[in-house]
Amino acid sequence: MRIKRGTVKKRKHNKVLKAAKGYRGARGKRYNLAKESTTRAGVYAYEGRKLKKRDMRSLWITRINIAARNAGVKYSDLIHGLNLAGVAINRKMLSEMAVSDPDIFNSYIEIAKKHLSAQQ
């Protein structure tokens, strides 16, 4: 006795076509093209989630660097000074302070300067 896959196949196709909804042309209508497109889209989405983290860290470092240079310190010196001081603060928080609360950020800069000068 042969096994017919009618409903299983239909469900599988509908799942892929639903994921491809909004794709242009045949990519959103034909199963084979839709399957190819959604698979590739999934790969790009996975990669994009990793790149997003990288891009955000880069943005935070740029913001910190600009704010630090305005206060007369290089980014690398600021981070090194904070490490010497034993200040455990991440770059996300530092950049947020640099943008929204410059007074507190400047106090961190003073801490870093003090420990840098003490090291030399």
PDB file of N, CA and C in Angstrom:
ATOM      1  N   MET A   1       0.846  -1.184   0.000  1.00  0.00           N
ATOM      2  CA  MET A   1       0.000   0.000   0.000  1.00  0.00           C
ATOM      3  C   MET A   1       0.889   1.244   0.000  1.00  0.00           C
ATOM      4  N   ARG A   2       0.596   2.163  -0.905  1.00  0.00           N
ATOM      5  CA  ARG A   2       1.425   3.364  -0.958  1.00  0.00           C
ATOM      6  C   ARG A   2       0.908   4.429   0.003  1.00  0.00           C
ATOM      7  N   ILE A   3       1.835   5.289   0.429  1.00  0.00           N
ATOM      8  CA  ILE A   3       1.466   6.360   1.368  1.00  0.00           C
ATOM      9  C   ILE A   3       1.368   7.662   0.592  1.00  0.00           C
ATOM     10  N   LYS A   4       0.228   8.303   0.712  1.00  0.00           N
ATOM     11  CA  LYS A   4       0.014   9.571   0.015  1.00  0.00           C
ATOM     12  C   LYS A   4       0.321  10.720   0.983  1.00  0.00           C
ATOM     13  N   ARG A   5       1.046  11.721   0.476  1.00  0.00           N
ATOM     14  CA  ARG A   5       1.514  12.806   1.349  1.00  0.00           C
ATOM     15  C   ARG A   5       0.760  14.112   1.113  1.00  0.00           C
ATOM     16  N   GLY A   6      -0.419  14.018   0.579  1.00  0.00           N
ATOM     17  CA  GLY A   6      -1.164  15.210   0.183  1.00  0.00           C
ATOM     18  C   GLY A   6      -1.220  16.310   1.230  1.00  0.00           C
ATOM     19  N   THR A   7      -1.772  16.008   2.392  1.00  0.00           N
ATOM     20  CA  THR A   7      -1.948  17.059   3.400  1.00  0.00           C
ATOM     21  C   THR A   7      -0.618  17.483   4.012  1.00  0.00           C
ATOM     22  N   VAL A   8       0.293  16.538   4.179  1.00  0.00           N
ATOM     23  CA  VAL A   8       1.601  16.861   4.763  1.00  0.00           C
ATOM     24  C   VAL A   8       2.354  17.808   3.837  1.00  0.00           C
ATOM     25  N   LYS A   9       2.328  17.475   2.547  1.00  0.00           N
ATOM     26  CA  LYS A   9       3.026  18.282   1.550  1.00  0.00           C
ATOM     27  C   LYS A   9       2.397  19.676   1.462  1.00  0.00           C
ATOM     28  N   LYS A  10       1.078  19.709   1.478  1.00  0.00           N
ATOM     29  CA  LYS A  10       0.363  20.984   1.380  1.00  0.00           C
ATOM     30  C   LYS A  10       0.718  21.884   2.575  1.00  0.00           C
ATOM     31  N   ARG A  11       0.745  21.289   3.777  1.00  0.00           N
ATOM     32  CA  ARG A  11       1.089  22.041   4.983  1.00  0.00           C
ATOM     33  C   ARG A  11       2.507  22.610   4.898  1.00  0.00           C
ATOM     34  N   LYS A  12       3.428  21.760   4.437  1.00  0.00           N
ATOM     35  CA  LYS A  12       4.830  22.153   4.307  1.00  0.00           C
ATOM     36  C   LYS A  12       4.969  23.309   3.309  1.00  0.00           C
ATOM     37  N   HIS A  13       4.280  23.175   2.170  1.00  0.00           N
ATOM     38  CA  HIS A  13       4.335  24.220   1.151  1.00  0.00           C
ATOM     39  C   HIS A  13       3.742  25.526   1.675  1.00  0.00           C
ATOM     40  N   ASN A  14       2.612  25.418   2.343  1.00  0.00           N
ATOM     41  CA  ASN A  14       1.959  26.622   2.857  1.00  0.00           C
ATOM     42  C   ASN A  14       2.827  27.337   3.886  1.00  0.00           C
ATOM     43  N   LYS A  15       3.545  26.559   4.693  1.00  0.00           N
ATOM     44  CA  LYS A  15       4.436  27.133   5.702  1.00  0.00           C
ATOM     45  C   LYS A  15       5.537  27.963   5.037  1.00  0.00           C
ATOM     46  N   VAL A  16       6.127  27.418   3.991  1.00  0.00           N
ATOM     47  CA  VAL A  16       7.192  28.121   3.267  1.00  0.00           C
ATOM     48  C   VAL A  16       6.625  29.335   2.545  1.00  0.00           C
ATOM     49  N   LEU A  17       5.479  29.179   1.885  1.00  0.00           N
ATOM     50  CA  LEU A  17       4.886  30.294   1.141  1.00  0.00           C
ATOM     51  C   LEU A  17       4.438  31.417   2.079  1.00  0.00           C
ATOM     52  N   LYS A  18       4.011  31.047   3.274  1.00  0.00           N
ATOM     53  CA  LYS A  18       3.639  32.073   4.252  1.00  0.00           C
ATOM     54  C   LYS A  18       4.874  32.863   4.679  1.00  0.00           C
ATOM     55  N   ALA A  19       5.999  32.166   4.841  1.00  0.00           N
ATOM     56  CA  ALA A  19       7.247  32.840   5.216  1.00  0.00           C
ATOM     57  C   ALA A  19       7.736  33.742   4.086  1.00  0.00           C
ATOM     58  N   ALA A  20       7.395  33.377   2.830  1.00  0.00           N
ATOM     59  CA  ALA A  20       7.845  34.149   1.667  1.00  0.00           C
ATOM     60  C   ALA A  20       6.832  35.224   1.265  1.00  0.00           C
ATOM     61  N   LYS A  21       5.842  35.426   2.080  1.00  0.00           N
ATOM     62  CA  LYS A  21       4.814  36.416   1.770  1.00  0.00           C
ATOM     63  C   LYS A  21       5.449  37.799   1.653  1.00  0.00           C
ATOM     64  N   GLY A  22       5.126  38.504   0.579  1.00  0.00           N
ATOM     65  CA  GLY A  22       5.677  39.833   0.378  1.00  0.00           C
ATOM     66  C   GLY A  22       6.903  39.840  -0.518  1.00  0.00           C
ATOM     67  N   TYR A  23       7.448  38.666  -0.828  1.00  0.00           N
ATOM     68  CA  TYR A  23       8.585  38.609  -1.750  1.00  0.00           C
ATOM     69  C   TYR A  23       8.076  38.941  -3.145  1.00  0.00           C
ATOM     70  N   ARG A  24       8.927  39.560  -3.958  1.00  0.00           N
ATOM     71  CA  ARG A  24       8.523  39.996  -5.292  1.00  0.00           C
ATOM     72  C   ARG A  24       8.459  38.835  -6.278  1.00  0.00           C
ATOM     73  N   GLY A  25       7.515  38.937  -7.202  1.00  0.00           N
ATOM     74  CA  GLY A  25       7.412  38.001  -8.311  1.00  0.00           C
ATOM     75  C   GLY A  25       7.160  36.569  -7.877  1.00  0.00           C
ATOM     76  N   ALA A  26       7.830  35.646  -8.585  1.00  0.00           N
ATOM     77  CA  ALA A  26       7.605  34.225  -8.354  1.00  0.00           C
ATOM     78  C   ALA A  26       8.149  33.771  -7.009  1.00  0.00           C
ATOM     79  N   ARG A  27       9.068  34.531  -6.426  1.00  0.00           N
ATOM     80  CA  ARG A  27       9.660  34.149  -5.143  1.00  0.00           C
ATOM     81  C   ARG A  27       8.611  34.000  -4.046  1.00  0.00           C
ATOM     82  N   GLY A  28       7.541  34.746  -4.148  1.00  0.00           N
ATOM     83  CA  GLY A  28       6.492  34.674  -3.143  1.00  0.00           C
ATOM     84  C   GLY A  28       5.346  33.757  -3.529  1.00  0.00           C
ATOM     85  N   LYS A  29       5.392  33.215  -4.773  1.00  0.00           N
ATOM     86  CA  LYS A  29       4.266  32.418  -5.262  1.00  0.00           C
ATOM     87  C   LYS A  29       4.627  30.942  -5.486  1.00  0.00           C
ATOM     88  N   ARG A  30       5.824  30.704  -6.034  1.00  0.00           N
ATOM     89  CA  ARG A  30       6.217  29.334  -6.378  1.00  0.00           C
ATOM     90  C   ARG A  30       7.029  28.715  -5.253  1.00  0.00           C
ATOM     91  N   TYR A  31       6.667  27.482  -4.907  1.00  0.00           N
ATOM     92  CA  TYR A  31       7.268  26.814  -3.750  1.00  0.00           C
ATOM     93  C   TYR A  31       8.784  26.705  -3.849  1.00  0.00           C
ATOM     94  N   ASN A  32       9.283  26.213  -4.991  1.00  0.00           N
ATOM     95  CA  ASN A  32      10.731  25.999  -5.111  1.00  0.00           C
ATOM     96  C   ASN A  32      11.523  27.288  -4.934  1.00  0.00           C
ATOM     97  N   LEU A  33      11.086  28.349  -5.585  1.00  0.00           N
ATOM     98  CA  LEU A  33      11.773  29.631  -5.447  1.00  0.00           C
ATOM     99  C   LEU A  33      11.592  30.206  -4.047  1.00  0.00           C
ATOM    100  N   ALA A  34      10.407  30.012  -3.499  1.00  0.00           N
ATOM    101  CA  ALA A  34      10.130  30.521  -2.151  1.00  0.00           C
ATOM    102  C   ALA A  34      11.002  29.821  -1.124  1.00  0.00           C
ATOM    103  N   LYS A  35      11.177  28.499  -1.285  1.00  0.00           N
ATOM    104  CA  LYS A  35      11.999  27.733  -0.353  1.00  0.00           C
ATOM    105  C   LYS A  35      13.443  28.224  -0.403  1.00  0.00           C
ATOM    106  N   GLU A  36      13.953  28.420  -1.618  1.00  0.00           N
ATOM    107  CA  GLU A  36      15.316  28.913  -1.806  1.00  0.00           C
ATOM    108  C   GLU A  36      15.485  30.294  -1.162  1.00  0.00           C
ATOM    109  N   SER A  37      14.522  31.163  -1.418  1.00  0.00           N
ATOM    110  CA  SER A  37      14.602  32.545  -0.926  1.00  0.00           C
ATOM    111  C   SER A  37      14.509  32.621   0.593  1.00  0.00           C
ATOM    112  N   THR A  38      13.596  31.847   1.181  1.00  0.00           N
ATOM    113  CA  THR A  38      13.446  31.899   2.638  1.00  0.00           C
ATOM    114  C   THR A  38      14.657  31.287   3.339  1.00  0.00           C
ATOM    115  N   THR A  39      15.248  30.250   2.725  1.00  0.00           N
ATOM    116  CA  THR A  39      16.454  29.656   3.305  1.00  0.00           C
ATOM    117  C   THR A  39      17.581  30.673   3.313  1.00  0.00           C
ATOM    118  N   ARG A  40      17.758  31.336   2.178  1.00  0.00           N
ATOM    119  CA  ARG A  40      18.819  32.343   2.075  1.00  0.00           C
ATOM    120  C   ARG A  40      18.539  33.511   3.031  1.00  0.00           C
ATOM    121  N   ALA A  41      17.268  33.902   3.123  1.00  0.00           N
ATOM    122  CA  ALA A  41      16.891  34.997   4.027  1.00  0.00           C
ATOM    123  C   ALA A  41      17.207  34.629   5.470  1.00  0.00           C
ATOM    124  N   GLY A  42      16.978  33.355   5.818  1.00  0.00           N
ATOM    125  CA  GLY A  42      17.295  32.886   7.166  1.00  0.00           C
ATOM    126  C   GLY A  42      18.777  32.953   7.461  1.00  0.00           C
ATOM    127  N   VAL A  43      19.596  32.637   6.468  1.00  0.00           N
ATOM    128  CA  VAL A  43      21.055  32.710   6.633  1.00  0.00           C
ATOM    129  C   VAL A  43      21.472  34.156   6.869  1.00  0.00           C
ATOM    130  N   TYR A  44      20.913  35.068   6.042  1.00  0.00           N
ATOM    131  CA  TYR A  44      21.243  36.487   6.197  1.00  0.00           C
ATOM    132  C   TYR A  44      20.772  37.020   7.550  1.00  0.00           C
ATOM    133  N   ALA A  45      19.611  36.560   7.989  1.00  0.00           N
ATOM    134  CA  ALA A  45      19.076  37.021   9.273  1.00  0.00           C
ATOM    135  C   ALA A  45      19.965  36.569  10.420  1.00  0.00           C
ATOM    136  N   TYR A  46      20.431  35.323  10.349  1.00  0.00           N
ATOM    137  CA  TYR A  46      21.324  34.791  11.381  1.00  0.00           C
ATOM    138  C   TYR A  46      22.620  35.596  11.420  1.00  0.00           C
ATOM    139  N   GLU A  47      23.185  35.813  10.235  1.00  0.00           N
ATOM    140  CA  GLU A  47      24.427  36.581  10.142  1.00  0.00           C
ATOM    141  C   GLU A  47      24.217  38.012  10.637  1.00  0.00           C
ATOM    142  N   GLY A  48      23.066  38.581  10.292  1.00  0.00           N
ATOM    143  CA  GLY A  48      22.751  39.946  10.684  1.00  0.00           C
ATOM    144  C   GLY A  48      22.654  40.110  12.189  1.00  0.00           C
ATOM    145  N   ARG A  49      22.151  39.083  12.873  1.00  0.00           N
ATOM    146  CA  ARG A  49      22.057  39.165  14.339  1.00  0.00           C
ATOM    147  C   ARG A  49      23.445  39.223  14.960  1.00  0.00           C
ATOM    148  N   LYS A  50      24.413  38.549  14.347  1.00  0.00           N
ATOM    149  CA  LYS A  50      25.795  38.589  14.846  1.00  0.00           C
ATOM    150  C   LYS A  50      26.438  39.935  14.520  1.00  0.00           C
ATOM    151  N   LEU A  51      26.206  40.426  13.298  1.00  0.00           N
ATOM    152  CA  LEU A  51      26.793  41.696  12.875  1.00  0.00           C
ATOM    153  C   LEU A  51      26.238  42.869  13.671  1.00  0.00           C
ATOM    154  N   LYS A  52      24.983  42.760  14.077  1.00  0.00           N
ATOM    155  CA  LYS A  52      24.346  43.835  14.835  1.00  0.00           C
ATOM    156  C   LYS A  52      25.095  44.087  16.137  1.00  0.00           C
ATOM    157  N   LYS A  53      25.505  43.019  16.808  1.00  0.00           N
ATOM    158  CA  LYS A  53      26.251  43.139  18.060  1.00  0.00           C
ATOM    159  C   LYS A  53      27.584  43.839  17.816  1.00  0.00           C
ATOM    160  N   ARG A  54      28.251  43.440  16.713  1.00  0.00           N
ATOM    161  CA  ARG A  54      29.532  44.030  16.352  1.00  0.00           C
ATOM    162  C   ARG A  54      29.376  45.520  16.052  1.00  0.00           C
ATOM    163  N   ASP A  55      28.332  45.851  15.275  1.00  0.00           N
ATOM    164  CA  ASP A  55      28.098  47.236  14.889  1.00  0.00           C
ATOM    165  C   ASP A  55      27.778  48.107  16.096  1.00  0.00           C
ATOM    166  N   MET A  56      27.002  47.578  17.032  1.00  0.00           N
ATOM    167  CA  MET A  56      26.645  48.358  18.216  1.00  0.00           C
ATOM    168  C   MET A  56      27.867  48.645  19.071  1.00  0.00           C
ATOM    169  N   ARG A  57      28.726  47.643  19.267  1.00  0.00           N
ATOM    170  CA  ARG A  57      29.946  47.858  20.040  1.00  0.00           C
ATOM    171  C   ARG A  57      30.809  48.934  19.381  1.00  0.00           C
ATOM    172  N   SER A  58      30.906  48.887  18.070  1.00  0.00           N
ATOM    173  CA  SER A  58      31.671  49.880  17.321  1.00  0.00           C
ATOM    174  C   SER A  58      31.090  51.286  17.529  1.00  0.00           C
ATOM    175  N   LEU A  59      29.775  51.384  17.519  1.00  0.00           N
ATOM    176  CA  LEU A  59      29.111  52.670  17.743  1.00  0.00           C
ATOM    177  C   LEU A  59      29.399  53.192  19.142  1.00  0.00           C
ATOM    178  N   TRP A  60      29.328  52.311  20.151  1.00  0.00           N
ATOM    179  CA  TRP A  60      29.598  52.726  21.523  1.00  0.00           C
ATOM    180  C   TRP A  60      31.021  53.245  21.652  1.00  0.00           C
ATOM    181  N   ILE A  61      31.977  52.536  21.059  1.00  0.00           N
ATOM    182  CA  ILE A  61      33.378  52.940  21.145  1.00  0.00           C
ATOM    183  C   ILE A  61      33.584  54.292  20.474  1.00  0.00           C
ATOM    184  N   THR A  62      32.932  54.505  19.332  1.00  0.00           N
ATOM    185  CA  THR A  62      33.045  55.788  18.631  1.00  0.00           C
ATOM    186  C   THR A  62      32.505  56.919  19.495  1.00  0.00           C
ATOM    187  N   ARG A  63      31.357  56.698  20.123  1.00  0.00           N
ATOM    188  CA  ARG A  63      30.766  57.730  20.986  1.00  0.00           C
ATOM    189  C   ARG A  63      31.671  58.049  22.176  1.00  0.00           C
ATOM    190  N   ILE A  64      32.212  57.005  22.793  1.00  0.00           N
ATOM    191  CA  ILE A  64      33.093  57.202  23.944  1.00  0.00           C
ATOM    192  C   ILE A  64      34.337  57.965  23.513  1.00  0.00           C
ATOM    193  N   ASN A  65      34.897  57.588  22.373  1.00  0.00           N
ATOM    194  CA  ASN A  65      36.109  58.223  21.866  1.00  0.00           C
ATOM    195  C   ASN A  65      35.891  59.713  21.618  1.00  0.00           C
ATOM    196  N   ILE A  66      34.775  60.064  21.000  1.00  0.00           N
ATOM    197  CA  ILE A  66      34.478  61.473  20.721  1.00  0.00           C
ATOM    198  C   ILE A  66      34.350  62.262  22.021  1.00  0.00           C
ATOM    199  N   ALA A  67      33.587  61.715  22.959  1.00  0.00           N
ATOM    200  CA  ALA A  67      33.377  62.409  24.240  1.00  0.00           C
ATOM    201  C   ALA A  67      34.686  62.509  25.022  1.00  0.00           C
ATOM    202  N   ALA A  68      35.498  61.456  24.977  1.00  0.00           N
ATOM    203  CA  ALA A  68      36.769  61.454  25.713  1.00  0.00           C
ATOM    204  C   ALA A  68      37.731  62.471  25.107  1.00  0.00           C
ATOM    205  N   ARG A  69      37.814  62.519  23.783  1.00  0.00           N
ATOM    206  CA  ARG A  69      38.716  63.472  23.124  1.00  0.00           C
ATOM    207  C   ARG A  69      38.294  64.915  23.375  1.00  0.00           C
ATOM    208  N   ASN A  70      36.986  65.138  23.499  1.00  0.00           N
ATOM    209  CA  ASN A  70      36.510  66.486  23.845  1.00  0.00           C
ATOM    210  C   ASN A  70      36.987  66.881  25.240  1.00  0.00           C
ATOM    211  N   ALA A  71      37.213  65.884  26.094  1.00  0.00           N
ATOM    212  CA  ALA A  71      37.704  66.133  27.455  1.00  0.00           C
ATOM    213  C   ALA A  71      39.233  66.042  27.531  1.00  0.00           C
ATOM    214  N   GLY A  72      39.877  65.773  26.393  1.00  0.00           N
ATOM    215  CA  GLY A  72      41.332  65.770  26.359  1.00  0.00           C
ATOM    216  C   GLY A  72      41.998  64.439  26.660  1.00  0.00           C
ATOM    217  N   VAL A  73      41.280  63.338  26.476  1.00  0.00           N
ATOM    218  CA  VAL A  73      41.846  62.012  26.728  1.00  0.00           C
ATOM    219  C   VAL A  73      41.555  61.131  25.517  1.00  0.00           C
ATOM    220  N   LYS A  74      42.500  60.261  25.164  1.00  0.00           N
ATOM    221  CA  LYS A  74      42.252  59.302  24.095  1.00  0.00           C
ATOM    222  C   LYS A  74      41.405  58.159  24.653  1.00  0.00           C
ATOM    223  N   TYR A  75      40.683  57.485  23.762  1.00  0.00           N
ATOM    224  CA  TYR A  75      39.831  56.361  24.156  1.00  0.00           C
ATOM    225  C   TYR A  75      40.643  55.280  24.863  1.00  0.00           C
ATOM    226  N   SER A  76      41.776  54.931  24.264  1.00  0.00           N
ATOM    227  CA  SER A  76      42.578  53.837  24.828  1.00  0.00           C
ATOM    228  C   SER A  76      43.101  54.202  26.217  1.00  0.00           C
ATOM    229  N   ASP A  77      43.474  55.483  26.404  1.00  0.00           N
ATOM    230  CA  ASP A  77      43.942  55.925  27.725  1.00  0.00           C
ATOM    231  C   ASP A  77      42.814  55.897  28.752  1.00  0.00           C
ATOM    232  N   LEU A  78      41.623  56.273  28.314  1.00  0.00           N
ATOM    233  CA  LEU A  78      40.462  56.243  29.209  1.00  0.00           C
ATOM    234  C   LEU A  78      40.184  54.819  29.690  1.00  0.00           C
ATOM    235  N   ILE A  79      40.137  53.883  28.755  1.00  0.00           N
ATOM    236  CA  ILE A  79      39.847  52.496  29.106  1.00  0.00           C
ATOM    237  C   ILE A  79      40.961  51.923  29.982  1.00  0.00           C
ATOM    238  N   HIS A  80      42.211  52.233  29.633  1.00  0.00           N
ATOM    239  CA  HIS A  80      43.347  51.742  30.425  1.00  0.00           C
ATOM    240  C   HIS A  80      43.304  52.314  31.842  1.00  0.00           C
ATOM    241  N   GLY A  81      43.010  53.603  31.955  1.00  0.00           N
ATOM    242  CA  GLY A  81      42.917  54.248  33.269  1.00  0.00           C
ATOM    243  C   GLY A  81      41.807  53.664  34.120  1.00  0.00           C
ATOM    244  N   LEU A  82      40.666  53.389  33.490  1.00  0.00           N
ATOM    245  CA  LEU A  82      39.556  52.794  34.231  1.00  0.00           C
ATOM    246  C   LEU A  82      39.897  51.375  34.682  1.00  0.00           C
ATOM    247  N   ASN A  83      40.621  50.643  33.854  1.00  0.00           N
ATOM    248  CA  ASN A  83      41.046  49.292  34.245  1.00  0.00           C
ATOM    249  C   ASN A  83      42.029  49.349  35.410  1.00  0.00           C
ATOM    250  N   LEU A  84      42.938  50.316  35.379  1.00  0.00           N
ATOM    251  CA  LEU A  84      43.888  50.487  36.485  1.00  0.00           C
ATOM    252  C   LEU A  84      43.157  50.831  37.782  1.00  0.00           C
ATOM    253  N   ALA A  85      42.086  51.618  37.648  1.00  0.00           N
ATOM    254  CA  ALA A  85      41.310  52.035  38.815  1.00  0.00           C
ATOM    255  C   ALA A  85      40.406  50.911  39.329  1.00  0.00           C
ATOM    256  N   GLY A  86      40.268  49.862  38.539  1.00  0.00           N
ATOM    257  CA  GLY A  86      39.399  48.759  38.941  1.00  0.00           C
ATOM    258  C   GLY A  86      37.931  49.046  38.714  1.00  0.00           C
ATOM    259  N   VAL A  87      37.654  49.994  37.822  1.00  0.00           N
ATOM    260  CA  VAL A  87      36.269  50.344  37.513  1.00  0.00           C
ATOM    261  C   VAL A  87      35.752  49.358  36.465  1.00  0.00           C
ATOM    262  N   ALA A  88      34.741  48.598  36.834  1.00  0.00           N
ATOM    263  CA  ALA A  88      34.164  47.613  35.913  1.00  0.00           C
ATOM    264  C   ALA A  88      32.875  48.185  35.334  1.00  0.00           C
ATOM    265  N   ILE A  89      33.019  48.881  34.208  1.00  0.00           N
ATOM    266  CA  ILE A  89      31.843  49.433  33.528  1.00  0.00           C
ATOM    267  C   ILE A  89      31.975  49.096  32.052  1.00  0.00           C
ATOM    268  N   ASN A  90      30.870  48.673  31.462  1.00  0.00           N
ATOM    269  CA  ASN A  90      30.957  48.267  30.056  1.00  0.00           C
ATOM    270  C   ASN A  90      30.820  49.460  29.120  1.00  0.00           C
ATOM    271  N   ARG A  91      31.176  49.243  27.875  1.00  0.00           N
ATOM    272  CA  ARG A  91      31.200  50.315  26.884  1.00  0.00           C
ATOM    273  C   ARG A  91      29.801  50.841  26.578  1.00  0.00           C
ATOM    274  N   LYS A  92      28.809  49.984  26.679  1.00  0.00           N
ATOM    275  CA  LYS A  92      27.432  50.414  26.429  1.00  0.00           C
ATOM    276  C   LYS A  92      27.021  51.487  27.437  1.00  0.00           C
ATOM    277  N   MET A  93      27.311  51.239  28.700  1.00  0.00           N
ATOM    278  CA  MET A  93      26.948  52.200  29.739  1.00  0.00           C
ATOM    279  C   MET A  93      27.773  53.489  29.621  1.00  0.00           C
ATOM    280  N   LEU A  94      29.060  53.327  29.321  1.00  0.00           N
ATOM    281  CA  LEU A  94      29.914  54.505  29.148  1.00  0.00           C
ATOM    282  C   LEU A  94      29.400  55.391  28.018  1.00  0.00           C
ATOM    283  N   SER A  95      29.030  54.777  26.901  1.00  0.00           N
ATOM    284  CA  SER A  95      28.554  55.575  25.768  1.00  0.00           C
ATOM    285  C   SER A  95      27.224  56.238  26.090  1.00  0.00           C
ATOM    286  N   GLU A  96      26.383  55.538  26.837  1.00  0.00           N
ATOM    287  CA  GLU A  96      25.093  56.119  27.233  1.00  0.00           C
ATOM    288  C   GLU A  96      25.314  57.350  28.122  1.00  0.00           C
ATOM    289  N   MET A  97      26.284  57.233  29.048  1.00  0.00           N
ATOM    290  CA  MET A  97      26.617  58.376  29.906  1.00  0.00           C
ATOM    291  C   MET A  97      27.212  59.512  29.098  1.00  0.00           C
ATOM    292  N   ALA A  98      28.055  59.195  28.130  1.00  0.00           N
ATOM    293  CA  ALA A  98      28.694  60.214  27.302  1.00  0.00           C
ATOM    294  C   ALA A  98      27.651  61.028  26.548  1.00  0.00           C
ATOM    295  N   VAL A  99      26.578  60.365  26.132  1.00  0.00           N
ATOM    296  CA  VAL A  99      25.533  61.039  25.363  1.00  0.00           C
ATOM    297  C   VAL A  99      24.543  61.761  26.274  1.00  0.00           C
ATOM    298  N   SER A 100      24.046  61.067  27.297  1.00  0.00           N
ATOM    299  CA  SER A 100      22.936  61.614  28.078  1.00  0.00           C
ATOM    300  C   SER A 100      23.351  62.315  29.370  1.00  0.00           C
ATOM    301  N   ASP A 101      24.498  61.946  29.959  1.00  0.00           N
ATOM    302  CA  ASP A 101      24.897  62.531  31.237  1.00  0.00           C
ATOM    303  C   ASP A 101      26.395  62.835  31.261  1.00  0.00           C
ATOM    304  N   PRO A 102      26.814  63.920  30.584  1.00  0.00           N
ATOM    305  CA  PRO A 102      28.237  64.232  30.456  1.00  0.00           C
ATOM    306  C   PRO A 102      28.949  64.479  31.786  1.00  0.00           C
ATOM    307  N   ASP A 103      28.224  64.949  32.811  1.00  0.00           N
ATOM    308  CA  ASP A 103      28.866  65.230  34.102  1.00  0.00           C
ATOM    309  C   ASP A 103      29.413  63.944  34.729  1.00  0.00           C
ATOM    310  N   ILE A 104      28.605  62.900  34.738  1.00  0.00           N
ATOM    311  CA  ILE A 104      29.046  61.623  35.300  1.00  0.00           C
ATOM    312  C   ILE A 104      30.169  61.045  34.445  1.00  0.00           C
ATOM    313  N   PHE A 105      30.041  61.186  33.116  1.00  0.00           N
ATOM    314  CA  PHE A 105      31.091  60.698  32.220  1.00  0.00           C
ATOM    315  C   PHE A 105      32.417  61.408  32.514  1.00  0.00           C
ATOM    316  N   ASN A 106      32.341  62.698  32.753  1.00  0.00           N
ATOM    317  CA  ASN A 106      33.562  63.460  33.067  1.00  0.00           C
ATOM    318  C   ASN A 106      34.174  63.012  34.388  1.00  0.00           C
ATOM    319  N   SER A 107      33.350  62.589  35.332  1.00  0.00           N
ATOM    320  CA  SER A 107      33.907  62.073  36.587  1.00  0.00           C
ATOM    321  C   SER A 107      34.678  60.776  36.341  1.00  0.00           C
ATOM    322  N   TYR A 108      34.192  59.933  35.429  1.00  0.00           N
ATOM    323  CA  TYR A 108      34.932  58.728  35.051  1.00  0.00           C
ATOM    324  C   TYR A 108      36.256  59.095  34.378  1.00  0.00           C
ATOM    325  N   ILE A 109      36.222  60.144  33.560  1.00  0.00           N
ATOM    326  CA  ILE A 109      37.454  60.601  32.905  1.00  0.00           C
ATOM    327  C   ILE A 109      38.470  61.057  33.942  1.00  0.00           C
ATOM    328  N   GLU A 110      38.005  61.764  34.965  1.00  0.00           N
ATOM    329  CA  GLU A 110      38.914  62.229  36.030  1.00  0.00           C
ATOM    330  C   GLU A 110      39.524  61.040  36.777  1.00  0.00           C
ATOM    331  N   ILE A 111      38.722  60.023  37.042  1.00  0.00           N
ATOM    332  CA  ILE A 111      39.232  58.813  37.710  1.00  0.00           C
ATOM    333  C   ILE A 111      40.334  58.182  36.862  1.00  0.00           C
ATOM    334  N   ALA A 112      40.074  58.077  35.546  1.00  0.00           N
ATOM    335  CA  ALA A 112      41.052  57.465  34.637  1.00  0.00           C
ATOM    336  C   ALA A 112      42.323  58.295  34.581  1.00  0.00           C
ATOM    337  N   LYS A 113      42.187  59.622  34.507  1.00  0.00           N
ATOM    338  CA  LYS A 113      43.365  60.511  34.453  1.00  0.00           C
ATOM    339  C   LYS A 113      44.207  60.361  35.715  1.00  0.00           C
ATOM    340  N   LYS A 114      43.529  60.309  36.853  1.00  0.00           N
ATOM    341  CA  LYS A 114      44.238  60.197  38.131  1.00  0.00           C
ATOM    342  C   LYS A 114      45.059  58.903  38.190  1.00  0.00           C
ATOM    343  N   HIS A 115      44.482  57.804  37.766  1.00  0.00           N
ATOM    344  CA  HIS A 115      45.189  56.518  37.830  1.00  0.00           C
ATOM    345  C   HIS A 115      46.273  56.408  36.744  1.00  0.00           C
ATOM    346  N   LEU A 116      46.081  57.092  35.629  1.00  0.00           N
ATOM    347  CA  LEU A 116      47.112  57.103  34.589  1.00  0.00           C
ATOM    348  C   LEU A 116      48.332  57.879  35.051  1.00  0.00           C
ATOM    349  N   SER A 117      48.078  59.030  35.702  1.00  0.00           N
ATOM    350  CA  SER A 117      49.203  59.839  36.176  1.00  0.00           C
ATOM    351  C   SER A 117      49.915  59.159  37.354  1.00  0.00           C
ATOM    352  N   ALA A 118      49.175  58.415  38.156  1.00  0.00           N
ATOM    353  CA  ALA A 118      49.782  57.687  39.280  1.00  0.00           C
ATOM    354  C   ALA A 118      50.665  56.539  38.784  1.00  0.00           C
ATOM    355  N   GLN A 119      50.297  55.977  37.624  1.00  0.00           N
ATOM    356  CA  GLN A 119      51.074  54.871  37.065  1.00  0.00           C
ATOM    357  C   GLN A 119      52.408  55.362  36.529  1.00  0.00           C
ATOM    358  N   GLN A 120      52.444  56.571  35.983  1.00  0.00           N
ATOM    359  CA  GLN A 120      53.670  57.091  35.376  1.00  0.00           C
ATOM    360  C   GLN A 120      54.579  57.660  36.382  1.00  0.00           C
TER     361      GLN A 120
END
